[in-house]
């Protein structure tokens, strides 16, 4: 791999920090310049690996949805369920009104 890309300068990092509205010190500019340079080099290497005969993919292994069968089965009796509710009205749970709708 040949890295023909020039390193980031302190001025470029300062400009990026200004655009991002970040207050950085002179020491941080040197630190961030080195860190960003490593990140950009790693991203550039991805372009070297990509080949025209390899299609882009989002997953290495094909995904398949797995659904269980929708089978009707007995559940708790309505009376037992409503017995644990703090408020019941017309054989249903009563909940506080949240949208200001009129009945």
PDB file of N, CA and C in Angstrom:
ATOM      1  N   UNK A   1       0.849  -1.180   0.000  1.00  0.00           N
ATOM      2  CA  UNK A   1       0.000   0.000   0.000  1.00  0.00           C
ATOM      3  C   UNK A   1       0.881   1.225   0.000  1.00  0.00           C
ATOM      4  N   UNK A   2       0.607   2.144  -0.879  1.00  0.00           N
ATOM      5  CA  UNK A   2       1.346   3.403  -0.902  1.00  0.00           C
ATOM      6  C   UNK A   2       0.429   4.502  -0.412  1.00  0.00           C
ATOM      7  N   UNK A   3       0.942   5.256   0.556  1.00  0.00           N
ATOM      8  CA  UNK A   3       0.142   6.333   1.141  1.00  0.00           C
ATOM      9  C   UNK A   3       0.604   7.652   0.544  1.00  0.00           C
ATOM     10  N   UNK A   4      -0.053   8.067  -0.549  1.00  0.00           N
ATOM     11  CA  UNK A   4       0.308   9.318  -1.224  1.00  0.00           C
ATOM     12  C   UNK A   4      -0.391  10.514  -0.598  1.00  0.00           C
ATOM     13  N   UNK A   5      -1.266  10.270   0.352  1.00  0.00           N
ATOM     14  CA  UNK A   5      -2.019  11.340   0.980  1.00  0.00           C
ATOM     15  C   UNK A   5      -1.143  12.071   1.979  1.00  0.00           C
ATOM     16  N   UNK A   6      -1.106  13.410   1.915  1.00  0.00           N
ATOM     17  CA  UNK A   6      -0.294  14.158   2.885  1.00  0.00           C
ATOM     18  C   UNK A   6      -0.925  14.094   4.272  1.00  0.00           C
ATOM     19  N   UNK A   7      -0.086  14.261   5.292  1.00  0.00           N
ATOM     20  CA  UNK A   7      -0.564  14.258   6.668  1.00  0.00           C
ATOM     21  C   UNK A   7      -1.398  15.501   6.931  1.00  0.00           C
ATOM     22  N   UNK A   8      -2.278  15.394   7.927  1.00  0.00           N
ATOM     23  CA  UNK A   8      -3.067  16.554   8.335  1.00  0.00           C
ATOM     24  C   UNK A   8      -2.161  17.559   9.052  1.00  0.00           C
ATOM     25  N   UNK A   9      -2.376  18.810   8.775  1.00  0.00           N
ATOM     26  CA  UNK A   9      -1.616  19.851   9.457  1.00  0.00           C
ATOM     27  C   UNK A   9      -2.390  20.343  10.667  1.00  0.00           C
ATOM     28  N   UNK A  10      -1.676  21.037  11.553  1.00  0.00           N
ATOM     29  CA  UNK A  10      -2.328  21.624  12.722  1.00  0.00           C
ATOM     30  C   UNK A  10      -3.385  22.638  12.287  1.00  0.00           C
ATOM     31  N   UNK A  11      -3.084  23.377  11.210  1.00  0.00           N
ATOM     32  CA  UNK A  11      -4.040  24.379  10.720  1.00  0.00           C
ATOM     33  C   UNK A  11      -5.328  23.723  10.228  1.00  0.00           C
ATOM     34  N   UNK A  12      -5.202  22.576   9.561  1.00  0.00           N
ATOM     35  CA  UNK A  12      -6.397  21.868   9.092  1.00  0.00           C
ATOM     36  C   UNK A  12      -7.221  21.342  10.271  1.00  0.00           C
ATOM     37  N   UNK A  13      -6.533  20.842  11.281  1.00  0.00           N
ATOM     38  CA  UNK A  13      -7.242  20.354  12.467  1.00  0.00           C
ATOM     39  C   UNK A  13      -7.900  21.524  13.189  1.00  0.00           C
ATOM     40  N   UNK A  14      -7.216  22.657  13.265  1.00  0.00           N
ATOM     41  CA  UNK A  14      -7.801  23.842  13.902  1.00  0.00           C
ATOM     42  C   UNK A  14      -9.035  24.303  13.130  1.00  0.00           C
ATOM     43  N   UNK A  15      -8.960  24.228  11.800  1.00  0.00           N
ATOM     44  CA  UNK A  15     -10.103  24.616  10.966  1.00  0.00           C
ATOM     45  C   UNK A  15     -11.279  23.668  11.209  1.00  0.00           C
ATOM     46  N   UNK A  16     -11.005  22.352  11.263  1.00  0.00           N
ATOM     47  CA  UNK A  16     -12.068  21.380  11.542  1.00  0.00           C
ATOM     48  C   UNK A  16     -12.675  21.620  12.922  1.00  0.00           C
ATOM     49  N   UNK A  17     -11.829  21.914  13.909  1.00  0.00           N
ATOM     50  CA  UNK A  17     -12.330  22.177  15.255  1.00  0.00           C
ATOM     51  C   UNK A  17     -13.218  23.420  15.267  1.00  0.00           C
ATOM     52  N   UNK A  18     -12.819  24.437  14.506  1.00  0.00           N
ATOM     53  CA  UNK A  18     -13.628  25.653  14.434  1.00  0.00           C
ATOM     54  C   UNK A  18     -14.985  25.363  13.782  1.00  0.00           C
ATOM     55  N   UNK A  19     -14.977  24.565  12.712  1.00  0.00           N
ATOM     56  CA  UNK A  19     -16.234  24.209  12.046  1.00  0.00           C
ATOM     57  C   UNK A  19     -17.152  23.416  12.981  1.00  0.00           C
ATOM     58  N   UNK A  20     -16.541  22.578  13.818  1.00  0.00           N
ATOM     59  CA  UNK A  20     -17.324  21.774  14.758  1.00  0.00           C
ATOM     60  C   UNK A  20     -17.604  22.519  16.050  1.00  0.00           C
ATOM     61  N   UNK A  21     -17.138  23.761  16.107  1.00  0.00           N
ATOM     62  CA  UNK A  21     -17.317  24.615  17.289  1.00  0.00           C
ATOM     63  C   UNK A  21     -16.746  23.961  18.546  1.00  0.00           C
ATOM     64  N   UNK A  22     -15.525  23.422  18.397  1.00  0.00           N
ATOM     65  CA  UNK A  22     -14.829  22.808  19.511  1.00  0.00           C
ATOM     66  C   UNK A  22     -13.690  23.718  19.945  1.00  0.00           C
ATOM     67  N   UNK A  23     -13.582  23.942  21.218  1.00  0.00           N
ATOM     68  CA  UNK A  23     -12.461  24.713  21.760  1.00  0.00           C
ATOM     69  C   UNK A  23     -11.346  23.731  22.081  1.00  0.00           C
ATOM     70  N   UNK A  24     -10.239  23.824  21.362  1.00  0.00           N
ATOM     71  CA  UNK A  24      -9.119  22.912  21.581  1.00  0.00           C
ATOM     72  C   UNK A  24      -7.858  23.710  21.881  1.00  0.00           C
ATOM     73  N   UNK A  25      -6.993  23.120  22.684  1.00  0.00           N
ATOM     74  CA  UNK A  25      -5.728  23.752  23.036  1.00  0.00           C
ATOM     75  C   UNK A  25      -4.677  23.405  21.988  1.00  0.00           C
ATOM     76  N   UNK A  26      -3.518  24.058  22.078  1.00  0.00           N
ATOM     77  CA  UNK A  26      -2.422  23.764  21.144  1.00  0.00           C
ATOM     78  C   UNK A  26      -1.958  22.320  21.291  1.00  0.00           C
ATOM     79  N   UNK A  27      -1.908  21.839  22.531  1.00  0.00           N
ATOM     80  CA  UNK A  27      -1.504  20.441  22.748  1.00  0.00           C
ATOM     81  C   UNK A  27      -2.507  19.480  22.121  1.00  0.00           C
ATOM     82  N   UNK A  28      -3.791  19.807  22.240  1.00  0.00           N
ATOM     83  CA  UNK A  28      -4.826  18.956  21.653  1.00  0.00           C
ATOM     84  C   UNK A  28      -4.754  18.967  20.135  1.00  0.00           C
ATOM     85  N   UNK A  29      -4.384  20.091  19.541  1.00  0.00           N
ATOM     86  CA  UNK A  29      -4.253  20.151  18.087  1.00  0.00           C
ATOM     87  C   UNK A  29      -3.212  19.148  17.606  1.00  0.00           C
ATOM     88  N   UNK A  30      -2.073  19.079  18.300  1.00  0.00           N
ATOM     89  CA  UNK A  30      -1.039  18.113  17.915  1.00  0.00           C
ATOM     90  C   UNK A  30      -1.532  16.685  18.106  1.00  0.00           C
ATOM     91  N   UNK A  31      -2.185  16.436  19.226  1.00  0.00           N
ATOM     92  CA  UNK A  31      -2.707  15.101  19.510  1.00  0.00           C
ATOM     93  C   UNK A  31      -3.752  14.693  18.482  1.00  0.00           C
ATOM     94  N   UNK A  32      -4.713  15.570  18.224  1.00  0.00           N
ATOM     95  CA  UNK A  32      -5.793  15.256  17.286  1.00  0.00           C
ATOM     96  C   UNK A  32      -5.285  15.111  15.858  1.00  0.00           C
ATOM     97  N   UNK A  33      -4.282  15.895  15.480  1.00  0.00           N
ATOM     98  CA  UNK A  33      -3.725  15.781  14.126  1.00  0.00           C
ATOM     99  C   UNK A  33      -3.179  14.378  13.906  1.00  0.00           C
ATOM    100  N   UNK A  34      -2.448  13.851  14.897  1.00  0.00           N
ATOM    101  CA  UNK A  34      -1.919  12.493  14.779  1.00  0.00           C
ATOM    102  C   UNK A  34      -3.014  11.453  14.754  1.00  0.00           C
ATOM    103  N   UNK A  35      -4.001  11.594  15.631  1.00  0.00           N
ATOM    104  CA  UNK A  35      -5.089  10.623  15.696  1.00  0.00           C
ATOM    105  C   UNK A  35      -5.919  10.629  14.416  1.00  0.00           C
ATOM    106  N   UNK A  36      -6.250  11.817  13.928  1.00  0.00           N
ATOM    107  CA  UNK A  36      -7.046  11.906  12.697  1.00  0.00           C
ATOM    108  C   UNK A  36      -6.270  11.365  11.506  1.00  0.00           C
ATOM    109  N   UNK A  37      -4.958  11.555  11.498  1.00  0.00           N
ATOM    110  CA  UNK A  37      -4.138  11.040  10.408  1.00  0.00           C
ATOM    111  C   UNK A  37      -4.173   9.508  10.388  1.00  0.00           C
ATOM    112  N   UNK A  38      -4.125   8.887  11.560  1.00  0.00           N
ATOM    113  CA  UNK A  38      -4.212   7.423  11.646  1.00  0.00           C
ATOM    114  C   UNK A  38      -5.573   6.947  11.155  1.00  0.00           C
ATOM    115  N   UNK A  39      -6.629   7.632  11.548  1.00  0.00           N
ATOM    116  CA  UNK A  39      -7.984   7.258  11.128  1.00  0.00           C
ATOM    117  C   UNK A  39      -8.141   7.377   9.618  1.00  0.00           C
ATOM    118  N   UNK A  40      -7.686   8.494   9.061  1.00  0.00           N
ATOM    119  CA  UNK A  40      -7.811   8.692   7.613  1.00  0.00           C
ATOM    120  C   UNK A  40      -6.972   7.686   6.834  1.00  0.00           C
ATOM    121  N   UNK A  41      -5.825   7.294   7.366  1.00  0.00           N
ATOM    122  CA  UNK A  41      -5.001   6.281   6.700  1.00  0.00           C
ATOM    123  C   UNK A  41      -5.711   4.932   6.691  1.00  0.00           C
ATOM    124  N   UNK A  42      -6.352   4.593   7.802  1.00  0.00           N
ATOM    125  CA  UNK A  42      -7.085   3.329   7.878  1.00  0.00           C
ATOM    126  C   UNK A  42      -8.249   3.313   6.895  1.00  0.00           C
ATOM    127  N   UNK A  43      -8.953   4.415   6.787  1.00  0.00           N
ATOM    128  CA  UNK A  43     -10.072   4.502   5.845  1.00  0.00           C
ATOM    129  C   UNK A  43      -9.564   4.421   4.407  1.00  0.00           C
ATOM    130  N   UNK A  44      -8.426   5.026   4.132  1.00  0.00           N
ATOM    131  CA  UNK A  44      -7.861   4.981   2.778  1.00  0.00           C
ATOM    132  C   UNK A  44      -7.476   3.560   2.394  1.00  0.00           C
ATOM    133  N   UNK A  45      -7.039   2.758   3.368  1.00  0.00           N
ATOM    134  CA  UNK A  45      -6.664   1.369   3.072  1.00  0.00           C
ATOM    135  C   UNK A  45      -7.862   0.544   2.628  1.00  0.00           C
ATOM    136  N   UNK A  46      -9.043   0.897   3.059  1.00  0.00           N
ATOM    137  CA  UNK A  46     -10.242   0.162   2.649  1.00  0.00           C
ATOM    138  C   UNK A  46     -10.413   0.258   1.137  1.00  0.00           C
ATOM    139  N   UNK A  47     -10.128   1.427   0.592  1.00  0.00           N
ATOM    140  CA  UNK A  47     -10.220   1.602  -0.857  1.00  0.00           C
ATOM    141  C   UNK A  47      -9.230   0.734  -1.606  1.00  0.00           C
ATOM    142  N   UNK A  48      -8.070   0.469  -1.008  1.00  0.00           N
ATOM    143  CA  UNK A  48      -7.077  -0.391  -1.650  1.00  0.00           C
ATOM    144  C   UNK A  48      -7.531  -1.845  -1.675  1.00  0.00           C
ATOM    145  N   UNK A  49      -8.282  -2.267  -0.662  1.00  0.00           N
ATOM    146  CA  UNK A  49      -8.723  -3.650  -0.557  1.00  0.00           C
ATOM    147  C   UNK A  49      -9.899  -3.921  -1.483  1.00  0.00           C
ATOM    148  N   UNK A  50     -10.785  -2.960  -1.639  1.00  0.00           N
ATOM    149  CA  UNK A  50     -11.983  -3.159  -2.456  1.00  0.00           C
ATOM    150  C   UNK A  50     -11.584  -3.496  -3.891  1.00  0.00           C
ATOM    151  N   UNK A  51     -12.196  -4.536  -4.414  1.00  0.00           N
ATOM    152  CA  UNK A  51     -11.914  -4.971  -5.788  1.00  0.00           C
ATOM    153  C   UNK A  51     -13.185  -4.870  -6.612  1.00  0.00           C
ATOM    154  N   UNK A  52     -13.010  -4.664  -7.905  1.00  0.00           N
ATOM    155  CA  UNK A  52     -14.155  -4.494  -8.800  1.00  0.00           C
ATOM    156  C   UNK A  52     -14.985  -5.776  -8.912  1.00  0.00           C
ATOM    157  N   UNK A  53     -14.365  -6.942  -8.695  1.00  0.00           N
ATOM    158  CA  UNK A  53     -15.099  -8.193  -8.854  1.00  0.00           C
ATOM    159  C   UNK A  53     -15.805  -8.635  -7.575  1.00  0.00           C
ATOM    160  N   UNK A  54     -15.704  -7.843  -6.511  1.00  0.00           N
ATOM    161  CA  UNK A  54     -16.377  -8.170  -5.254  1.00  0.00           C
ATOM    162  C   UNK A  54     -17.545  -7.209  -5.074  1.00  0.00           C
ATOM    163  N   UNK A  55     -18.779  -7.725  -5.071  1.00  0.00           N
ATOM    164  CA  UNK A  55     -19.935  -6.829  -4.921  1.00  0.00           C
ATOM    165  C   UNK A  55     -20.005  -6.275  -3.498  1.00  0.00           C
ATOM    166  N   UNK A  56     -20.465  -5.041  -3.359  1.00  0.00           N
ATOM    167  CA  UNK A  56     -20.615  -4.481  -2.013  1.00  0.00           C
ATOM    168  C   UNK A  56     -21.694  -5.230  -1.248  1.00  0.00           C
ATOM    169  N   UNK A  57     -21.470  -5.438   0.032  1.00  0.00           N
ATOM    170  CA  UNK A  57     -22.436  -6.143   0.865  1.00  0.00           C
ATOM    171  C   UNK A  57     -22.617  -5.405   2.185  1.00  0.00           C
ATOM    172  N   UNK A  58     -23.756  -5.612   2.783  1.00  0.00           N
ATOM    173  CA  UNK A  58     -23.985  -5.022   4.105  1.00  0.00           C
ATOM    174  C   UNK A  58     -23.713  -6.033   5.204  1.00  0.00           C
ATOM    175  N   UNK A  59     -23.735  -7.328   4.849  1.00  0.00           N
ATOM    176  CA  UNK A  59     -23.485  -8.387   5.821  1.00  0.00           C
ATOM    177  C   UNK A  59     -22.645  -9.474   5.163  1.00  0.00           C
ATOM    178  N   UNK A  60     -21.758 -10.069   5.926  1.00  0.00           N
ATOM    179  CA  UNK A  60     -20.910 -11.126   5.382  1.00  0.00           C
ATOM    180  C   UNK A  60     -21.694 -12.408   5.127  1.00  0.00           C
ATOM    181  N   UNK A  61     -22.732 -12.621   5.913  1.00  0.00           N
ATOM    182  CA  UNK A  61     -23.560 -13.817   5.782  1.00  0.00           C
ATOM    183  C   UNK A  61     -24.967 -13.370   5.406  1.00  0.00           C
ATOM    184  N   UNK A  62     -25.602 -14.032   4.439  1.00  0.00           N
ATOM    185  CA  UNK A  62     -26.968 -13.632   4.073  1.00  0.00           C
ATOM    186  C   UNK A  62     -27.909 -13.701   5.280  1.00  0.00           C
ATOM    187  N   UNK A  63     -28.768 -12.723   5.394  1.00  0.00           N
ATOM    188  CA  UNK A  63     -29.724 -12.677   6.494  1.00  0.00           C
ATOM    189  C   UNK A  63     -31.052 -13.271   6.054  1.00  0.00           C
ATOM    190  N   UNK A  64     -31.701 -13.925   6.988  1.00  0.00           N
ATOM    191  CA  UNK A  64     -33.017 -14.490   6.709  1.00  0.00           C
ATOM    192  C   UNK A  64     -33.874 -14.296   7.946  1.00  0.00           C
ATOM    193  N   UNK A  65     -35.043 -13.725   7.776  1.00  0.00           N
ATOM    194  CA  UNK A  65     -35.948 -13.563   8.901  1.00  0.00           C
ATOM    195  C   UNK A  65     -36.485 -14.922   9.326  1.00  0.00           C
ATOM    196  N   UNK A  66     -36.538 -15.111  10.616  1.00  0.00           N
ATOM    197  CA  UNK A  66     -37.060 -16.358  11.157  1.00  0.00           C
ATOM    198  C   UNK A  66     -38.307 -16.020  11.959  1.00  0.00           C
ATOM    199  N   UNK A  67     -39.420 -16.530  11.516  1.00  0.00           N
ATOM    200  CA  UNK A  67     -40.686 -16.269  12.179  1.00  0.00           C
ATOM    201  C   UNK A  67     -41.213 -17.571  12.769  1.00  0.00           C
ATOM    202  N   UNK A  68     -41.783 -17.480  13.944  1.00  0.00           N
ATOM    203  CA  UNK A  68     -42.445 -18.645  14.503  1.00  0.00           C
ATOM    204  C   UNK A  68     -43.845 -18.717  13.913  1.00  0.00           C
ATOM    205  N   UNK A  69     -44.414 -19.870  13.970  1.00  0.00           N
ATOM    206  CA  UNK A  69     -45.770 -20.041  13.477  1.00  0.00           C
ATOM    207  C   UNK A  69     -46.721 -19.248  14.370  1.00  0.00           C
ATOM    208  N   UNK A  70     -47.675 -18.587  13.759  1.00  0.00           N
ATOM    209  CA  UNK A  70     -48.682 -17.842  14.495  1.00  0.00           C
ATOM    210  C   UNK A  70     -49.798 -18.801  14.867  1.00  0.00           C
ATOM    211  N   UNK A  71     -49.685 -19.348  16.059  1.00  0.00           N
ATOM    212  CA  UNK A  71     -50.621 -20.371  16.501  1.00  0.00           C
ATOM    213  C   UNK A  71     -51.456 -19.807  17.647  1.00  0.00           C
ATOM    214  N   UNK A  72     -52.763 -19.953  17.524  1.00  0.00           N
ATOM    215  CA  UNK A  72     -53.660 -19.523  18.583  1.00  0.00           C
ATOM    216  C   UNK A  72     -53.563 -20.509  19.732  1.00  0.00           C
ATOM    217  N   UNK A  73     -53.417 -19.960  20.939  1.00  0.00           N
ATOM    218  CA  UNK A  73     -53.372 -20.822  22.116  1.00  0.00           C
ATOM    219  C   UNK A  73     -54.085 -20.132  23.257  1.00  0.00           C
ATOM    220  N   UNK A  74     -54.497 -20.882  24.239  1.00  0.00           N
ATOM    221  CA  UNK A  74     -55.257 -20.292  25.346  1.00  0.00           C
ATOM    222  C   UNK A  74     -54.404 -19.286  26.112  1.00  0.00           C
ATOM    223  N   UNK A  75     -55.068 -18.251  26.613  1.00  0.00           N
ATOM    224  CA  UNK A  75     -54.380 -17.256  27.431  1.00  0.00           C
ATOM    225  C   UNK A  75     -55.122 -17.132  28.760  1.00  0.00           C
ATOM    226  N   UNK A  76     -54.713 -16.166  29.558  1.00  0.00           N
ATOM    227  CA  UNK A  76     -55.368 -15.975  30.847  1.00  0.00           C
ATOM    228  C   UNK A  76     -56.816 -15.537  30.649  1.00  0.00           C
ATOM    229  N   UNK A  77     -57.677 -15.944  31.552  1.00  0.00           N
ATOM    230  CA  UNK A  77     -59.063 -15.464  31.481  1.00  0.00           C
ATOM    231  C   UNK A  77     -59.106 -13.949  31.717  1.00  0.00           C
ATOM    232  N   UNK A  78     -60.023 -13.290  31.043  1.00  0.00           N
ATOM    233  CA  UNK A  78     -60.154 -11.833  31.135  1.00  0.00           C
ATOM    234  C   UNK A  78     -60.303 -11.374  32.587  1.00  0.00           C
ATOM    235  N   UNK A  79     -61.065 -12.096  33.369  1.00  0.00           N
ATOM    236  CA  UNK A  79     -61.292 -11.704  34.760  1.00  0.00           C
ATOM    237  C   UNK A  79     -59.989 -11.701  35.556  1.00  0.00           C
ATOM    238  N   UNK A  80     -59.140 -12.705  35.314  1.00  0.00           N
ATOM    239  CA  UNK A  80     -57.866 -12.781  36.029  1.00  0.00           C
ATOM    240  C   UNK A  80     -56.941 -11.626  35.640  1.00  0.00           C
ATOM    241  N   UNK A  81     -56.935 -11.284  34.374  1.00  0.00           N
ATOM    242  CA  UNK A  81     -56.080 -10.195  33.900  1.00  0.00           C
ATOM    243  C   UNK A  81     -56.560  -8.870  34.471  1.00  0.00           C
ATOM    244  N   UNK A  82     -57.859  -8.620  34.383  1.00  0.00           N
ATOM    245  CA  UNK A  82     -58.398  -7.356  34.869  1.00  0.00           C
ATOM    246  C   UNK A  82     -58.347  -7.251  36.389  1.00  0.00           C
ATOM    247  N   UNK A  83     -58.241  -8.376  37.073  1.00  0.00           N
ATOM    248  CA  UNK A  83     -58.175  -8.344  38.537  1.00  0.00           C
ATOM    249  C   UNK A  83     -56.902  -7.647  39.013  1.00  0.00           C
ATOM    250  N   UNK A  84     -55.849  -7.666  38.219  1.00  0.00           N
ATOM    251  CA  UNK A  84     -54.601  -7.021  38.611  1.00  0.00           C
ATOM    252  C   UNK A  84     -54.482  -5.587  38.145  1.00  0.00           C
ATOM    253  N   UNK A  85     -55.487  -5.086  37.436  1.00  0.00           N
ATOM    254  CA  UNK A  85     -55.426  -3.720  36.906  1.00  0.00           C
ATOM    255  C   UNK A  85     -55.772  -2.706  37.986  1.00  0.00           C
ATOM    256  N   UNK A  86     -55.113  -1.542  37.982  1.00  0.00           N
ATOM    257  CA  UNK A  86     -55.460  -0.516  38.960  1.00  0.00           C
ATOM    258  C   UNK A  86     -56.844   0.087  38.724  1.00  0.00           C
ATOM    259  N   UNK A  87     -57.301   0.101  37.462  1.00  0.00           N
ATOM    260  CA  UNK A  87     -58.624   0.652  37.148  1.00  0.00           C
ATOM    261  C   UNK A  87     -59.209  -0.105  35.960  1.00  0.00           C
ATOM    262  N   UNK A  88     -60.502  -0.422  36.064  1.00  0.00           N
ATOM    263  CA  UNK A  88     -61.202  -1.152  35.007  1.00  0.00           C
ATOM    264  C   UNK A  88     -62.481  -0.412  34.677  1.00  0.00           C
ATOM    265  N   UNK A  89     -62.820  -0.355  33.383  1.00  0.00           N
ATOM    266  CA  UNK A  89     -64.069   0.269  32.947  1.00  0.00           C
ATOM    267  C   UNK A  89     -64.583  -0.476  31.723  1.00  0.00           C
ATOM    268  N   UNK A  90     -65.835  -0.836  31.720  1.00  0.00           N
ATOM    269  CA  UNK A  90     -66.467  -1.561  30.613  1.00  0.00           C
ATOM    270  C   UNK A  90     -65.680  -2.817  30.225  1.00  0.00           C
ATOM    271  N   UNK A  91     -65.215  -3.551  31.223  1.00  0.00           N
ATOM    272  CA  UNK A  91     -64.500  -4.810  30.997  1.00  0.00           C
ATOM    273  C   UNK A  91     -63.178  -4.606  30.255  1.00  0.00           C
ATOM    274  N   UNK A  92     -62.559  -3.415  30.425  1.00  0.00           N
ATOM    275  CA  UNK A  92     -61.265  -3.091  29.807  1.00  0.00           C
ATOM    276  C   UNK A  92     -60.406  -2.346  30.812  1.00  0.00           C
ATOM    277  N   UNK A  93     -59.098  -2.275  30.517  1.00  0.00           N
ATOM    278  CA  UNK A  93     -58.207  -1.462  31.340  1.00  0.00           C
ATOM    279  C   UNK A  93     -58.589   0.000  31.195  1.00  0.00           C
ATOM    280  N   UNK A  94     -58.602   0.736  32.291  1.00  0.00           N
ATOM    281  CA  UNK A  94     -58.830   2.188  32.237  1.00  0.00           C
ATOM    282  C   UNK A  94     -57.470   2.847  32.412  1.00  0.00           C
ATOM    283  N   UNK A  95     -57.136   3.708  31.458  1.00  0.00           N
ATOM    284  CA  UNK A  95     -55.853   4.415  31.504  1.00  0.00           C
ATOM    285  C   UNK A  95     -56.109   5.910  31.444  1.00  0.00           C
ATOM    286  N   UNK A  96     -55.167   6.720  31.920  1.00  0.00           N
ATOM    287  CA  UNK A  96     -55.355   8.171  31.859  1.00  0.00           C
ATOM    288  C   UNK A  96     -55.394   8.663  30.416  1.00  0.00           C
ATOM    289  N   UNK A  97     -56.192   9.672  30.184  1.00  0.00           N
ATOM    290  CA  UNK A  97     -56.290  10.287  28.873  1.00  0.00           C
ATOM    291  C   UNK A  97     -55.001  11.059  28.602  1.00  0.00           C
ATOM    292  N   UNK A  98     -54.419  10.884  27.408  1.00  0.00           N
ATOM    293  CA  UNK A  98     -53.138  11.549  27.138  1.00  0.00           C
ATOM    294  C   UNK A  98     -53.183  12.506  25.948  1.00  0.00           C
ATOM    295  N   UNK A  99     -54.171  12.416  25.091  1.00  0.00           N
ATOM    296  CA  UNK A  99     -54.179  13.232  23.888  1.00  0.00           C
ATOM    297  C   UNK A  99     -55.202  14.368  23.926  1.00  0.00           C
ATOM    298  N   UNK A 100     -55.970  14.479  24.955  1.00  0.00           N
ATOM    299  CA  UNK A 100     -56.961  15.545  25.031  1.00  0.00           C
ATOM    300  C   UNK A 100     -58.127  15.343  24.082  1.00  0.00           C
ATOM    301  N   UNK A 101     -58.388  14.109  23.685  1.00  0.00           N
ATOM    302  CA  UNK A 101     -59.496  13.833  22.789  1.00  0.00           C
ATOM    303  C   UNK A 101     -60.809  13.850  23.565  1.00  0.00           C
ATOM    304  N   UNK A 102     -61.857  14.235  22.893  1.00  0.00           N
ATOM    305  CA  UNK A 102     -63.166  14.208  23.523  1.00  0.00           C
ATOM    306  C   UNK A 102     -63.794  12.851  23.281  1.00  0.00           C
ATOM    307  N   UNK A 103     -64.576  12.424  24.253  1.00  0.00           N
ATOM    308  CA  UNK A 103     -65.217  11.100  24.117  1.00  0.00           C
ATOM    309  C   UNK A 103     -66.435  11.172  23.232  1.00  0.00           C
TER     310      UNK A 103
END
